[in-house]
C-alpha atoms as a PDB file:
ATOM      1  CA  MET A   1     -44.875 -35.685  12.460  1.00  0.00           C
ATOM      2  CA  ASN A   2     -42.996 -36.159   9.163  1.00  0.00           C
ATOM      3  CA  ASP A   3     -44.112 -32.714   8.058  1.00  0.00           C
ATOM      4  CA  ILE A   4     -42.586 -30.886  11.146  1.00  0.00           C
ATOM      5  CA  LYS A   5     -39.141 -29.738  10.169  1.00  0.00           C
ATOM      6  CA  VAL A   6     -38.883 -26.258  11.668  1.00  0.00           C
ATOM      7  CA  ILE A   7     -39.765 -25.038  15.123  1.00  0.00           C
ATOM      8  CA  ALA A   8     -40.287 -21.580  16.166  1.00  0.00           C
ATOM      9  CA  ASN A   9     -39.709 -20.912  19.719  1.00  0.00           C
ATOM     10  CA  ILE A  10     -41.267 -17.539  21.171  1.00  0.00           C
ATOM     11  CA  GLY A  11     -39.719 -16.503  24.416  1.00  0.00           C
ATOM     12  CA  ALA A  12     -36.067 -17.136  25.539  1.00  0.00           C
ATOM     13  CA  GLY A  13     -36.310 -16.755  29.095  1.00  0.00           C
ATOM     14  CA  THR A  14     -36.617 -19.457  32.035  1.00  0.00           C
ATOM     15  CA  MET A  15     -38.880 -21.797  30.135  1.00  0.00           C
ATOM     16  CA  GLY A  16     -38.426 -20.733  26.592  1.00  0.00           C
ATOM     17  CA  HIS A  17     -34.669 -21.249  26.529  1.00  0.00           C
ATOM     18  CA  ALA A  18     -35.178 -24.759  27.850  1.00  0.00           C
ATOM     19  CA  THR A  19     -37.901 -25.816  25.392  1.00  0.00           C
ATOM     20  CA  ALA A  20     -35.749 -24.370  22.383  1.00  0.00           C
ATOM     21  CA  MET A  21     -32.837 -26.410  23.618  1.00  0.00           C
ATOM     22  CA  GLN A  22     -35.110 -29.631  23.689  1.00  0.00           C
ATOM     23  CA  PHE A  23     -36.093 -29.412  20.229  1.00  0.00           C
ATOM     24  CA  ALA A  24     -32.472 -28.506  18.938  1.00  0.00           C
ATOM     25  CA  MET A  25     -31.220 -31.545  20.935  1.00  0.00           C
ATOM     26  CA  LYS A  26     -33.494 -33.637  18.877  1.00  0.00           C
ATOM     27  CA  GLY A  27     -32.233 -32.232  15.650  1.00  0.00           C
ATOM     28  CA  TYR A  28     -34.772 -29.737  14.806  1.00  0.00           C
ATOM     29  CA  GLN A  29     -34.063 -26.178  13.307  1.00  0.00           C
ATOM     30  CA  VAL A  30     -35.336 -23.773  16.109  1.00  0.00           C
ATOM     31  CA  ASN A  31     -36.043 -20.101  15.342  1.00  0.00           C
ATOM     32  CA  LEU A  32     -35.725 -18.520  18.751  1.00  0.00           C
ATOM     33  CA  LEU A  33     -37.657 -15.323  19.011  1.00  0.00           C
ATOM     34  CA  ASP A  34     -37.591 -12.540  21.463  1.00  0.00           C
ATOM     35  CA  MET A  35     -38.067  -8.918  21.725  1.00  0.00           C
ATOM     36  CA  SER A  36     -34.687  -7.765  22.176  1.00  0.00           C
ATOM     37  CA  GLN A  37     -31.006  -8.883  21.544  1.00  0.00           C
ATOM     38  CA  ALA A  38     -30.311  -8.735  25.191  1.00  0.00           C
ATOM     39  CA  ALA A  39     -33.139 -11.369  25.923  1.00  0.00           C
ATOM     40  CA  LEU A  40     -31.868 -13.601  23.183  1.00  0.00           C
ATOM     41  CA  LYS A  41     -28.217 -13.088  24.492  1.00  0.00           C
ATOM     42  CA  HIS A  42     -29.405 -14.154  27.787  1.00  0.00           C
ATOM     43  CA  GLY A  43     -31.536 -17.072  26.579  1.00  0.00           C
ATOM     44  CA  LEU A  44     -28.377 -18.539  24.836  1.00  0.00           C
ATOM     45  CA  GLU A  45     -26.118 -18.185  27.759  1.00  0.00           C
ATOM     46  CA  LEU A  46     -28.756 -20.194  29.697  1.00  0.00           C
ATOM     47  CA  ILE A  47     -28.969 -22.803  26.757  1.00  0.00           C
ATOM     48  CA  ASP A  48     -25.017 -22.895  26.740  1.00  0.00           C
ATOM     49  CA  HIS A  49     -24.857 -23.537  30.599  1.00  0.00           C
ATOM     50  CA  ASP A  50     -27.604 -26.228  30.512  1.00  0.00           C
ATOM     51  CA  LEU A  51     -25.788 -28.036  27.606  1.00  0.00           C
ATOM     52  CA  ASP A  52     -22.526 -28.006  29.659  1.00  0.00           C
ATOM     53  CA  THR A  53     -24.528 -29.562  32.645  1.00  0.00           C
ATOM     54  CA  PHE A  54     -26.001 -32.117  30.307  1.00  0.00           C
ATOM     55  CA  GLU A  55     -22.430 -32.991  28.830  1.00  0.00           C
ATOM     56  CA  GLN A  56     -20.929 -33.216  32.369  1.00  0.00           C
ATOM     57  CA  ASN A  57     -23.768 -35.719  33.336  1.00  0.00           C
ATOM     58  CA  GLY A  58     -23.344 -37.843  30.149  1.00  0.00           C
ATOM     59  CA  ILE A  59     -26.632 -36.935  28.672  1.00  0.00           C
ATOM     60  CA  ILE A  60     -24.805 -35.540  25.369  1.00  0.00           C
ATOM     61  CA  LYS A  61     -21.452 -36.202  24.180  1.00  0.00           C
ATOM     62  CA  GLY A  62     -18.828 -33.330  23.864  1.00  0.00           C
ATOM     63  CA  ASN A  63     -19.113 -33.079  20.001  1.00  0.00           C
ATOM     64  CA  GLN A  64     -22.950 -32.630  20.067  1.00  0.00           C
ATOM     65  CA  LYS A  65     -23.058 -29.253  21.929  1.00  0.00           C
ATOM     66  CA  ALA A  66     -21.844 -27.250  18.773  1.00  0.00           C
ATOM     67  CA  ASP A  67     -24.201 -28.764  16.498  1.00  0.00           C
ATOM     68  CA  ILE A  68     -27.074 -28.277  18.929  1.00  0.00           C
ATOM     69  CA  LEU A  69     -26.130 -24.596  19.243  1.00  0.00           C
ATOM     70  CA  ALA A  70     -25.846 -24.245  15.389  1.00  0.00           C
ATOM     71  CA  ARG A  71     -29.501 -25.353  14.918  1.00  0.00           C
ATOM     72  CA  ILE A  72     -30.576 -22.466  17.291  1.00  0.00           C
ATOM     73  CA  VAL A  73     -31.263 -19.253  15.208  1.00  0.00           C
ATOM     74  CA  PRO A  74     -31.944 -16.211  17.285  1.00  0.00           C
ATOM     75  CA  THR A  75     -33.947 -13.341  15.917  1.00  0.00           C
ATOM     76  CA  THR A  76     -36.214 -10.412  16.847  1.00  0.00           C
ATOM     77  CA  ASP A  77     -38.112 -10.490  13.614  1.00  0.00           C
ATOM     78  CA  TYR A  78     -41.479 -12.230  13.523  1.00  0.00           C
ATOM     79  CA  SER A  79     -41.192 -12.953   9.822  1.00  0.00           C
ATOM     80  CA  ASP A  80     -37.856 -14.453  10.066  1.00  0.00           C
ATOM     81  CA  ALA A  81     -38.869 -16.733  12.981  1.00  0.00           C
ATOM     82  CA  LEU A  82     -42.411 -17.817  11.923  1.00  0.00           C
ATOM     83  CA  THR A  83     -42.782 -17.847   8.032  1.00  0.00           C
ATOM     84  CA  GLU A  84     -41.009 -21.328   7.515  1.00  0.00           C
ATOM     85  CA  ALA A  85     -42.159 -22.708  10.877  1.00  0.00           C
ATOM     86  CA  ASP A  86     -44.276 -25.873  11.103  1.00  0.00           C
ATOM     87  CA  PHE A  87     -44.829 -25.782  15.015  1.00  0.00           C
ATOM     88  CA  VAL A  88     -44.771 -22.985  17.288  1.00  0.00           C
ATOM     89  CA  ILE A  89     -44.214 -23.124  21.046  1.00  0.00           C
ATOM     90  CA  GLU A  90     -44.339 -19.963  23.149  1.00  0.00           C
ATOM     91  CA  SER A  91     -43.310 -19.284  26.756  1.00  0.00           C
ATOM     92  CA  ILE A  92     -43.758 -15.741  27.557  1.00  0.00           C
ATOM     93  CA  VAL A  93     -45.626 -13.720  30.484  1.00  0.00           C
ATOM     94  CA  GLU A  94     -48.438 -15.321  32.135  1.00  0.00           C
ATOM     95  CA  ASP A  95     -50.852 -12.589  31.074  1.00  0.00           C
ATOM     96  CA  LEU A  96     -54.008 -13.644  29.028  1.00  0.00           C
ATOM     97  CA  LYS A  97     -54.040 -10.070  26.956  1.00  0.00           C
ATOM     98  CA  VAL A  98     -50.318 -10.251  26.036  1.00  0.00           C
ATOM     99  CA  LYS A  99     -50.645 -13.845  24.929  1.00  0.00           C
ATOM    100  CA  GLN A 100     -53.713 -13.090  22.923  1.00  0.00           C
ATOM    101  CA  THR A 101     -51.881  -9.984  21.163  1.00  0.00           C
ATOM    102  CA  VAL A 102     -48.664 -11.976  20.653  1.00  0.00           C
ATOM    103  CA  TRP A 103     -50.536 -15.186  19.033  1.00  0.00           C
ATOM    104  CA  GLN A 104     -52.737 -12.911  16.763  1.00  0.00           C
ATOM    105  CA  LYS A 105     -49.667 -11.110  15.561  1.00  0.00           C
ATOM    106  CA  ALA A 106     -47.850 -14.468  14.998  1.00  0.00           C
ATOM    107  CA  GLU A 107     -50.520 -16.088  13.031  1.00  0.00           C
ATOM    108  CA  HIS A 108     -50.206 -13.434  10.299  1.00  0.00           C
ATOM    109  CA  TYR A 109     -46.882 -15.350   9.368  1.00  0.00           C
ATOM    110  CA  LEU A 110     -47.880 -18.839   9.642  1.00  0.00           C
ATOM    111  CA  SER A 111     -49.264 -21.295   7.219  1.00  0.00           C
ATOM    112  CA  ASP A 112     -52.873 -22.489   7.595  1.00  0.00           C
ATOM    113  CA  GLN A 113     -51.472 -25.835   8.830  1.00  0.00           C
ATOM    114  CA  THR A 114     -49.000 -24.667  11.563  1.00  0.00           C
ATOM    115  CA  ILE A 115     -49.702 -25.787  15.034  1.00  0.00           C
ATOM    116  CA  MET A 116     -49.735 -23.179  17.582  1.00  0.00           C
ATOM    117  CA  ALA A 117     -48.883 -24.302  21.354  1.00  0.00           C
ATOM    118  CA  THR A 118     -48.647 -21.962  24.404  1.00  0.00           C
ATOM    119  CA  ASN A 119     -46.741 -23.110  27.402  1.00  0.00           C
ATOM    120  CA  THR A 120     -48.956 -21.596  29.949  1.00  0.00           C
ATOM    121  CA  SER A 121     -49.151 -23.259  33.354  1.00  0.00           C
ATOM    122  CA  GLY A 122     -53.128 -22.530  33.712  1.00  0.00           C
ATOM    123  CA  LEU A 123     -54.570 -19.806  31.421  1.00  0.00           C
ATOM    124  CA  SER A 124     -57.541 -21.055  29.373  1.00  0.00           C
ATOM    125  CA  PRO A 125     -56.494 -22.250  25.867  1.00  0.00           C
ATOM    126  CA  THR A 126     -60.107 -21.290  24.787  1.00  0.00           C
ATOM    127  CA  ALA A 127     -59.584 -17.737  25.770  1.00  0.00           C
ATOM    128  CA  ILE A 128     -56.319 -17.457  24.228  1.00  0.00           C
ATOM    129  CA  GLN A 129     -57.425 -19.054  20.793  1.00  0.00           C
ATOM    130  CA  ASP A 130     -60.353 -16.458  20.631  1.00  0.00           C
ATOM    131  CA  GLY A 131     -59.742 -14.251  17.817  1.00  0.00           C
ATOM    132  CA  LEU A 132     -57.323 -16.648  15.909  1.00  0.00           C
ATOM    133  CA  LYS A 133     -58.091 -17.466  12.339  1.00  0.00           C
ATOM    134  CA  HIS A 134     -57.305 -21.051  12.933  1.00  0.00           C
ATOM    135  CA  PRO A 135     -58.219 -21.902  16.496  1.00  0.00           C
ATOM    136  CA  GLU A 136     -58.138 -25.497  15.507  1.00  0.00           C
ATOM    137  CA  ASN A 137     -54.464 -25.503  15.329  1.00  0.00           C
ATOM    138  CA  PHE A 138     -54.098 -24.042  18.795  1.00  0.00           C
ATOM    139  CA  VAL A 139     -53.280 -25.933  21.923  1.00  0.00           C
ATOM    140  CA  VAL A 140     -51.539 -25.911  25.157  1.00  0.00           C
ATOM    141  CA  ALA A 141     -48.349 -27.748  25.761  1.00  0.00           C
ATOM    142  CA  HIS A 142     -47.507 -27.109  29.349  1.00  0.00           C
ATOM    143  CA  PHE A 143     -43.840 -28.041  30.385  1.00  0.00           C
ATOM    144  CA  TRP A 144     -43.079 -28.341  34.025  1.00  0.00           C
ATOM    145  CA  ASN A 145     -40.250 -26.226  35.515  1.00  0.00           C
ATOM    146  CA  PRO A 146     -37.295 -26.790  35.049  1.00  0.00           C
ATOM    147  CA  ALA A 147     -38.379 -27.701  31.689  1.00  0.00           C
ATOM    148  CA  GLN A 148     -35.114 -29.350  30.572  1.00  0.00           C
ATOM    149  CA  LEU A 149     -35.196 -31.696  33.356  1.00  0.00           C
ATOM    150  CA  MET A 150     -38.989 -32.308  34.197  1.00  0.00           C
ATOM    151  CA  PRO A 151     -40.486 -35.072  31.666  1.00  0.00           C
ATOM    152  CA  LEU A 152     -44.148 -34.075  31.825  1.00  0.00           C
ATOM    153  CA  VAL A 153     -45.955 -31.958  29.306  1.00  0.00           C
ATOM    154  CA  GLU A 154     -49.795 -31.692  29.679  1.00  0.00           C
ATOM    155  CA  VAL A 155     -51.353 -31.203  26.322  1.00  0.00           C
ATOM    156  CA  VAL A 156     -54.577 -29.439  26.735  1.00  0.00           C
ATOM    157  CA  PRO A 157     -57.266 -28.439  24.035  1.00  0.00           C
ATOM    158  CA  GLY A 158     -59.296 -25.556  23.958  1.00  0.00           C
ATOM    159  CA  GLU A 159     -63.021 -25.609  22.946  1.00  0.00           C
ATOM    160  CA  ARG A 160     -62.086 -25.268  19.087  1.00  0.00           C
ATOM    161  CA  THR A 161     -58.858 -27.285  19.022  1.00  0.00           C
ATOM    162  CA  ALA A 162     -59.090 -30.121  16.529  1.00  0.00           C
ATOM    163  CA  GLU A 163     -58.256 -33.654  17.770  1.00  0.00           C
ATOM    164  CA  ASP A 164     -55.259 -34.149  15.114  1.00  0.00           C
ATOM    165  CA  THR A 165     -53.661 -30.921  16.713  1.00  0.00           C
ATOM    166  CA  VAL A 166     -53.720 -32.796  20.078  1.00  0.00           C
ATOM    167  CA  LYS A 167     -52.479 -35.957  18.705  1.00  0.00           C
ATOM    168  CA  THR A 168     -49.658 -34.321  16.739  1.00  0.00           C
ATOM    169  CA  THR A 169     -48.538 -32.444  19.637  1.00  0.00           C
ATOM    170  CA  VAL A 170     -48.296 -35.236  21.849  1.00  0.00           C
ATOM    171  CA  SER A 171     -46.403 -37.318  19.384  1.00  0.00           C
ATOM    172  CA  LEU A 172     -43.971 -34.413  18.885  1.00  0.00           C
ATOM    173  CA  MET A 173     -43.308 -34.047  22.723  1.00  0.00           C
ATOM    174  CA  ASN A 174     -42.690 -37.775  23.002  1.00  0.00           C
ATOM    175  CA  HIS A 175     -40.402 -37.554  20.133  1.00  0.00           C
ATOM    176  CA  ILE A 176     -38.261 -34.922  21.833  1.00  0.00           C
ATOM    177  CA  GLY A 177     -37.761 -37.255  24.956  1.00  0.00           C
ATOM    178  CA  LYS A 178     -40.713 -35.718  27.005  1.00  0.00           C
ATOM    179  CA  HIS A 179     -43.689 -37.689  28.640  1.00  0.00           C
ATOM    180  CA  ALA A 180     -46.769 -35.979  26.942  1.00  0.00           C
ATOM    181  CA  VAL A 181     -50.254 -36.476  28.603  1.00  0.00           C
ATOM    182  CA  ALA A 182     -53.406 -35.315  26.910  1.00  0.00           C
ATOM    183  CA  LEU A 183     -56.370 -33.840  28.875  1.00  0.00           C
ATOM    184  CA  LYS A 184     -59.833 -34.651  27.450  1.00  0.00           C
ATOM    185  CA  LYS A 185     -60.948 -30.967  28.125  1.00  0.00           C
ATOM    186  CA  GLU A 186     -59.317 -27.931  29.687  1.00  0.00           C
ATOM    187  CA  ALA A 187     -59.827 -27.009  33.363  1.00  0.00           C
ATOM    188  CA  LEU A 188     -58.443 -24.207  35.621  1.00  0.00           C
ATOM    189  CA  GLY A 189     -54.727 -25.126  36.535  1.00  0.00           C
ATOM    190  CA  PHE A 190     -55.124 -28.139  34.145  1.00  0.00           C
ATOM    191  CA  VAL A 191     -54.304 -31.333  36.171  1.00  0.00           C
ATOM    192  CA  GLY A 192     -50.833 -31.019  37.762  1.00  0.00           C
ATOM    193  CA  ASN A 193     -51.363 -27.613  39.447  1.00  0.00           C
ATOM    194  CA  ARG A 194     -55.015 -28.707  40.659  1.00  0.00           C
ATOM    195  CA  LEU A 195     -53.425 -31.693  42.499  1.00  0.00           C
ATOM    196  CA  GLN A 196     -50.411 -29.331  43.789  1.00  0.00           C
ATOM    197  CA  LEU A 197     -52.720 -26.757  45.225  1.00  0.00           C
ATOM    198  CA  ALA A 198     -55.006 -29.280  46.753  1.00  0.00           C
ATOM    199  CA  VAL A 199     -51.959 -31.020  48.561  1.00  0.00           C
ATOM    200  CA  LEU A 200     -50.567 -27.401  49.666  1.00  0.00           C
ATOM    201  CA  ARG A 201     -54.026 -26.308  51.024  1.00  0.00           C
ATOM    202  CA  GLU A 202     -54.066 -29.110  53.283  1.00  0.00           C
ATOM    203  CA  ALA A 203     -50.556 -28.900  54.041  1.00  0.00           C
ATOM    204  CA  PHE A 204     -50.855 -25.292  55.004  1.00  0.00           C
ATOM    205  CA  LYS A 205     -53.934 -26.078  57.320  1.00  0.00           C
ATOM    206  CA  ILE A 206     -51.923 -28.876  59.063  1.00  0.00           C
ATOM    207  CA  ILE A 207     -49.359 -26.221  59.719  1.00  0.00           C
ATOM    208  CA  ASN A 208     -51.652 -23.609  60.803  1.00  0.00           C
ATOM    209  CA  ASP A 209     -53.513 -25.826  63.055  1.00  0.00           C
ATOM    210  CA  GLY A 210     -50.226 -26.783  64.852  1.00  0.00           C
ATOM    211  CA  ILE A 211     -50.578 -30.485  63.836  1.00  0.00           C
ATOM    212  CA  ALA A 212     -47.182 -30.438  62.393  1.00  0.00           C
ATOM    213  CA  SER A 213     -44.055 -28.326  61.358  1.00  0.00           C
ATOM    214  CA  PRO A 214     -43.300 -27.311  57.703  1.00  0.00           C
ATOM    215  CA  ALA A 215     -40.253 -29.629  57.797  1.00  0.00           C
ATOM    216  CA  ALA A 216     -42.301 -32.660  59.286  1.00  0.00           C
ATOM    217  CA  VAL A 217     -45.019 -32.103  56.422  1.00  0.00           C
ATOM    218  CA  ASP A 218     -42.208 -32.236  53.909  1.00  0.00           C
ATOM    219  CA  ASP A 219     -40.648 -35.198  55.293  1.00  0.00           C
ATOM    220  CA  ILE A 220     -44.030 -37.072  55.483  1.00  0.00           C
ATOM    221  CA  VAL A 221     -44.452 -36.450  51.831  1.00  0.00           C
ATOM    222  CA  LYS A 222     -40.918 -37.081  50.618  1.00  0.00           C
ATOM    223  CA  TYR A 223     -40.708 -40.503  52.648  1.00  0.00           C
ATOM    224  CA  SER A 224     -44.001 -41.941  51.889  1.00  0.00           C
ATOM    225  CA  LEU A 225     -46.391 -40.465  49.467  1.00  0.00           C
ATOM    226  CA  GLY A 226     -43.726 -38.839  47.213  1.00  0.00           C
ATOM    227  CA  ARG A 227     -41.941 -42.221  46.798  1.00  0.00           C
ATOM    228  CA  ARG A 228     -45.046 -44.285  46.226  1.00  0.00           C
ATOM    229  CA  TRP A 229     -46.750 -41.798  43.842  1.00  0.00           C
ATOM    230  CA  SER A 230     -43.551 -41.359  41.777  1.00  0.00           C
ATOM    231  CA  LEU A 231     -43.725 -44.882  40.834  1.00  0.00           C
ATOM    232  CA  LEU A 232     -47.391 -45.566  40.457  1.00  0.00           C
ATOM    233  CA  GLY A 233     -49.446 -42.201  41.083  1.00  0.00           C
ATOM    234  CA  PRO A 234     -52.307 -41.750  43.508  1.00  0.00           C
ATOM    235  CA  ILE A 235     -55.018 -43.468  41.437  1.00  0.00           C
ATOM    236  CA  ALA A 236     -53.058 -46.809  41.032  1.00  0.00           C
ATOM    237  CA  SER A 237     -51.898 -46.833  44.521  1.00  0.00           C
ATOM    238  CA  ALA A 238     -55.570 -46.442  45.715  1.00  0.00           C
ATOM    239  CA  ASP A 239     -56.375 -49.539  43.606  1.00  0.00           C
ATOM    240  CA  LEU A 240     -53.406 -51.590  45.258  1.00  0.00           C
ATOM    241  CA  GLY A 241     -54.396 -50.504  48.665  1.00  0.00           C
ATOM    242  CA  GLY A 242     -58.037 -51.238  48.169  1.00  0.00           C
ATOM    243  CA  LEU A 243     -60.733 -48.953  47.365  1.00  0.00           C
ATOM    244  CA  ASP A 244     -62.874 -49.989  50.091  1.00  0.00           C
ATOM    245  CA  VAL A 245     -60.199 -48.885  52.391  1.00  0.00           C
ATOM    246  CA  PHE A 246     -60.096 -45.464  50.886  1.00  0.00           C
ATOM    247  CA  LYS A 247     -63.755 -45.375  50.790  1.00  0.00           C
ATOM    248  CA  ASN A 248     -64.037 -46.062  54.644  1.00  0.00           C
ATOM    249  CA  ILE A 249     -61.375 -43.451  55.353  1.00  0.00           C
ATOM    250  CA  SER A 250     -63.281 -40.758  53.137  1.00  0.00           C
ATOM    251  CA  THR A 251     -66.352 -41.214  55.166  1.00  0.00           C
ATOM    252  CA  TYR A 252     -64.727 -39.641  58.238  1.00  0.00           C
ATOM    253  CA  LEU A 253     -61.852 -37.773  56.788  1.00  0.00           C
ATOM    254  CA  TYR A 254     -63.219 -35.883  54.030  1.00  0.00           C
ATOM    255  CA  ASP A 255     -65.266 -33.430  56.525  1.00  0.00           C
ATOM    256  CA  ASP A 256     -62.297 -32.460  58.406  1.00  0.00           C
ATOM    257  CA  LEU A 257     -59.936 -31.614  55.484  1.00  0.00           C
ATOM    258  CA  ALA A 258     -59.335 -28.032  54.250  1.00  0.00           C
ATOM    259  CA  ASN A 259     -62.123 -26.673  51.966  1.00  0.00           C
ATOM    260  CA  ASN A 260     -61.505 -22.903  52.052  1.00  0.00           C
ATOM    261  CA  THR A 261     -61.922 -20.994  48.820  1.00  0.00           C
ATOM    262  CA  GLY A 262     -60.357 -17.944  47.603  1.00  0.00           C
ATOM    263  CA  THR A 263     -57.024 -16.802  48.673  1.00  0.00           C
ATOM    264  CA  ASP A 264     -55.271 -19.083  51.163  1.00  0.00           C
ATOM    265  CA  PRO A 265     -55.139 -17.452  54.505  1.00  0.00           C
ATOM    266  CA  VAL A 266     -51.741 -18.990  55.237  1.00  0.00           C
ATOM    267  CA  LEU A 267     -50.312 -17.921  52.128  1.00  0.00           C
ATOM    268  CA  LYS A 268     -51.738 -14.328  52.345  1.00  0.00           C
ATOM    269  CA  LYS A 269     -50.161 -13.939  55.920  1.00  0.00           C
ATOM    270  CA  MET A 270     -46.729 -14.982  54.536  1.00  0.00           C
ATOM    271  CA  VAL A 271     -47.040 -12.769  51.350  1.00  0.00           C
ATOM    272  CA  ASP A 272     -48.170  -9.677  53.311  1.00  0.00           C
ATOM    273  CA  GLN A 273     -45.167  -9.859  55.786  1.00  0.00           C
ATOM    274  CA  GLY A 274     -42.910 -10.163  52.815  1.00  0.00           C
ATOM    275  CA  ASP A 275     -41.921 -13.990  53.310  1.00  0.00           C
ATOM    276  CA  LEU A 276     -41.922 -15.082  49.594  1.00  0.00           C
ATOM    277  CA  GLY A 277     -39.489 -18.006  49.931  1.00  0.00           C
ATOM    278  CA  VAL A 278     -36.281 -18.198  48.098  1.00  0.00           C
ATOM    279  CA  LYS A 279     -36.637 -14.907  46.396  1.00  0.00           C
ATOM    280  CA  SER A 280     -36.862 -12.748  49.775  1.00  0.00           C
ATOM    281  CA  GLY A 281     -34.476 -15.031  51.688  1.00  0.00           C
ATOM    282  CA  LYS A 282     -37.379 -16.473  53.903  1.00  0.00           C
ATOM    283  CA  GLY A 283     -40.505 -18.376  53.688  1.00  0.00           C
ATOM    284  CA  PHE A 284     -41.631 -21.209  55.779  1.00  0.00           C
ATOM    285  CA  TYR A 285     -37.755 -22.077  55.816  1.00  0.00           C
ATOM    286  CA  ASP A 286     -34.825 -19.719  56.345  1.00  0.00           C
ATOM    287  CA  TRP A 287     -33.206 -19.349  52.733  1.00  0.00           C
ATOM    288  CA  GLU A 288     -30.436 -16.764  53.562  1.00  0.00           C
ATOM    289  CA  GLY A 289     -26.900 -17.122  52.268  1.00  0.00           C
ATOM    290  CA  ASP A 290     -26.381 -20.007  50.023  1.00  0.00           C
ATOM    291  CA  ASN A 291     -29.476 -22.158  51.448  1.00  0.00           C
ATOM    292  CA  GLY A 292     -31.427 -21.552  48.478  1.00  0.00           C
ATOM    293  CA  LYS A 293     -28.811 -22.080  45.839  1.00  0.00           C
ATOM    294  CA  GLU A 294     -27.841 -25.468  47.576  1.00  0.00           C
ATOM    295  CA  ALA A 295     -31.583 -26.544  47.753  1.00  0.00           C
ATOM    296  CA  ILE A 296     -32.013 -26.062  43.964  1.00  0.00           C
ATOM    297  CA  LEU A 297     -28.668 -27.661  43.199  1.00  0.00           C
ATOM    298  CA  MET A 298     -29.490 -30.602  45.155  1.00  0.00           C
ATOM    299  CA  ARG A 299     -32.860 -30.864  43.369  1.00  0.00           C
ATOM    300  CA  ASP A 300     -31.404 -30.363  40.059  1.00  0.00           C
ATOM    301  CA  ILE A 301     -28.595 -33.027  40.665  1.00  0.00           C
ATOM    302  CA  ASN A 302     -31.422 -35.556  41.618  1.00  0.00           C
ATOM    303  CA  LEU A 303     -33.494 -34.645  38.542  1.00  0.00           C
ATOM    304  CA  LEU A 304     -30.689 -35.284  36.390  1.00  0.00           C
ATOM    305  CA  LYS A 305     -30.022 -38.853  37.684  1.00  0.00           C
ATOM    306  CA  LEU A 306     -33.736 -39.507  37.115  1.00  0.00           C
ATOM    307  CA  LEU A 307     -33.443 -38.063  33.430  1.00  0.00           C
ATOM    308  CA  LYS A 308     -30.318 -40.343  32.854  1.00  0.00           C
ATOM    309  CA  ASN A 309     -32.279 -43.203  34.117  1.00  0.00           C
ATOM    310  CA  ASP A 310     -35.340 -42.327  31.783  1.00  0.00           C
ATOM    311  CA  GLU A 311     -32.668 -42.014  28.785  1.00  0.00           C
ATOM    312  CA  LYS A 312     -31.433 -45.648  29.601  1.00  0.00           C
ATOM    313  CA  HIS A 313     -35.031 -46.852  29.520  1.00  0.00           C
ATOM    314  CA  THR A 314     -35.774 -45.257  26.004  1.00  0.00           C
ATOM    315  CA  GLU A 315     -32.626 -46.517  24.314  1.00  0.00           C
END
């Protein structure tokens, strides 16, 4: 940890701008690398907006914004961004070949000790680290979107990742105010997305079978499981409820749960008819007009409240 002074941040988009801001807020120099001045300009505008939001909500003070921005150095030059870097975080397109190409190029400019972290949401770290000179330095640091508001970072080793790389990455993520959780080994989708898709698969089956409406499913999760799991998680909740009770339920319920593989038929139908959610104006809900913006605003306001509460407990 003491050896990490300079962060290189590859990608200035939706996730990349937020990770760069998080490191700069903690006092690190951040070299922000992207392929064009336009991309960098957009990333800095996003950072400026997010810092204003943090200031308005008391997460940073008014005199801190300028100092944070001053620690972020935008560049399109690999050498300028990477040569002095002690830790590199990458958030670019979710394409295995693109990530492999970028990392193999980036490694030419790095020291033999620099930790290389990809912010992929599910691609294999073993596959990405293939072809690197120092695969032992490579790891996944999966931030959740919106990265400036969500605390979790999944730290996932590839087959050739050194244990020290995982430990240092976990320590660094916690140091910048995140809640880092290390996996024992990689798995498709890691853990968060596996759980998310398992719940969604059953939710879509419930809707398709006419058991409940999309709004009813959402309310049931929000006002029961969502509240309980946000405090204890599903495993501890099962312990508190009694494992014998859950064992008995599993004997008759498991066989009736969704177990389809491949593309989800409900999702396929929605996508085929062009109902993509907020981006198309319609999904399971009507998102026309300002409905989508209002939902995102409500989500972010409540995430900010939780973030402020997290800050109080770490002071």
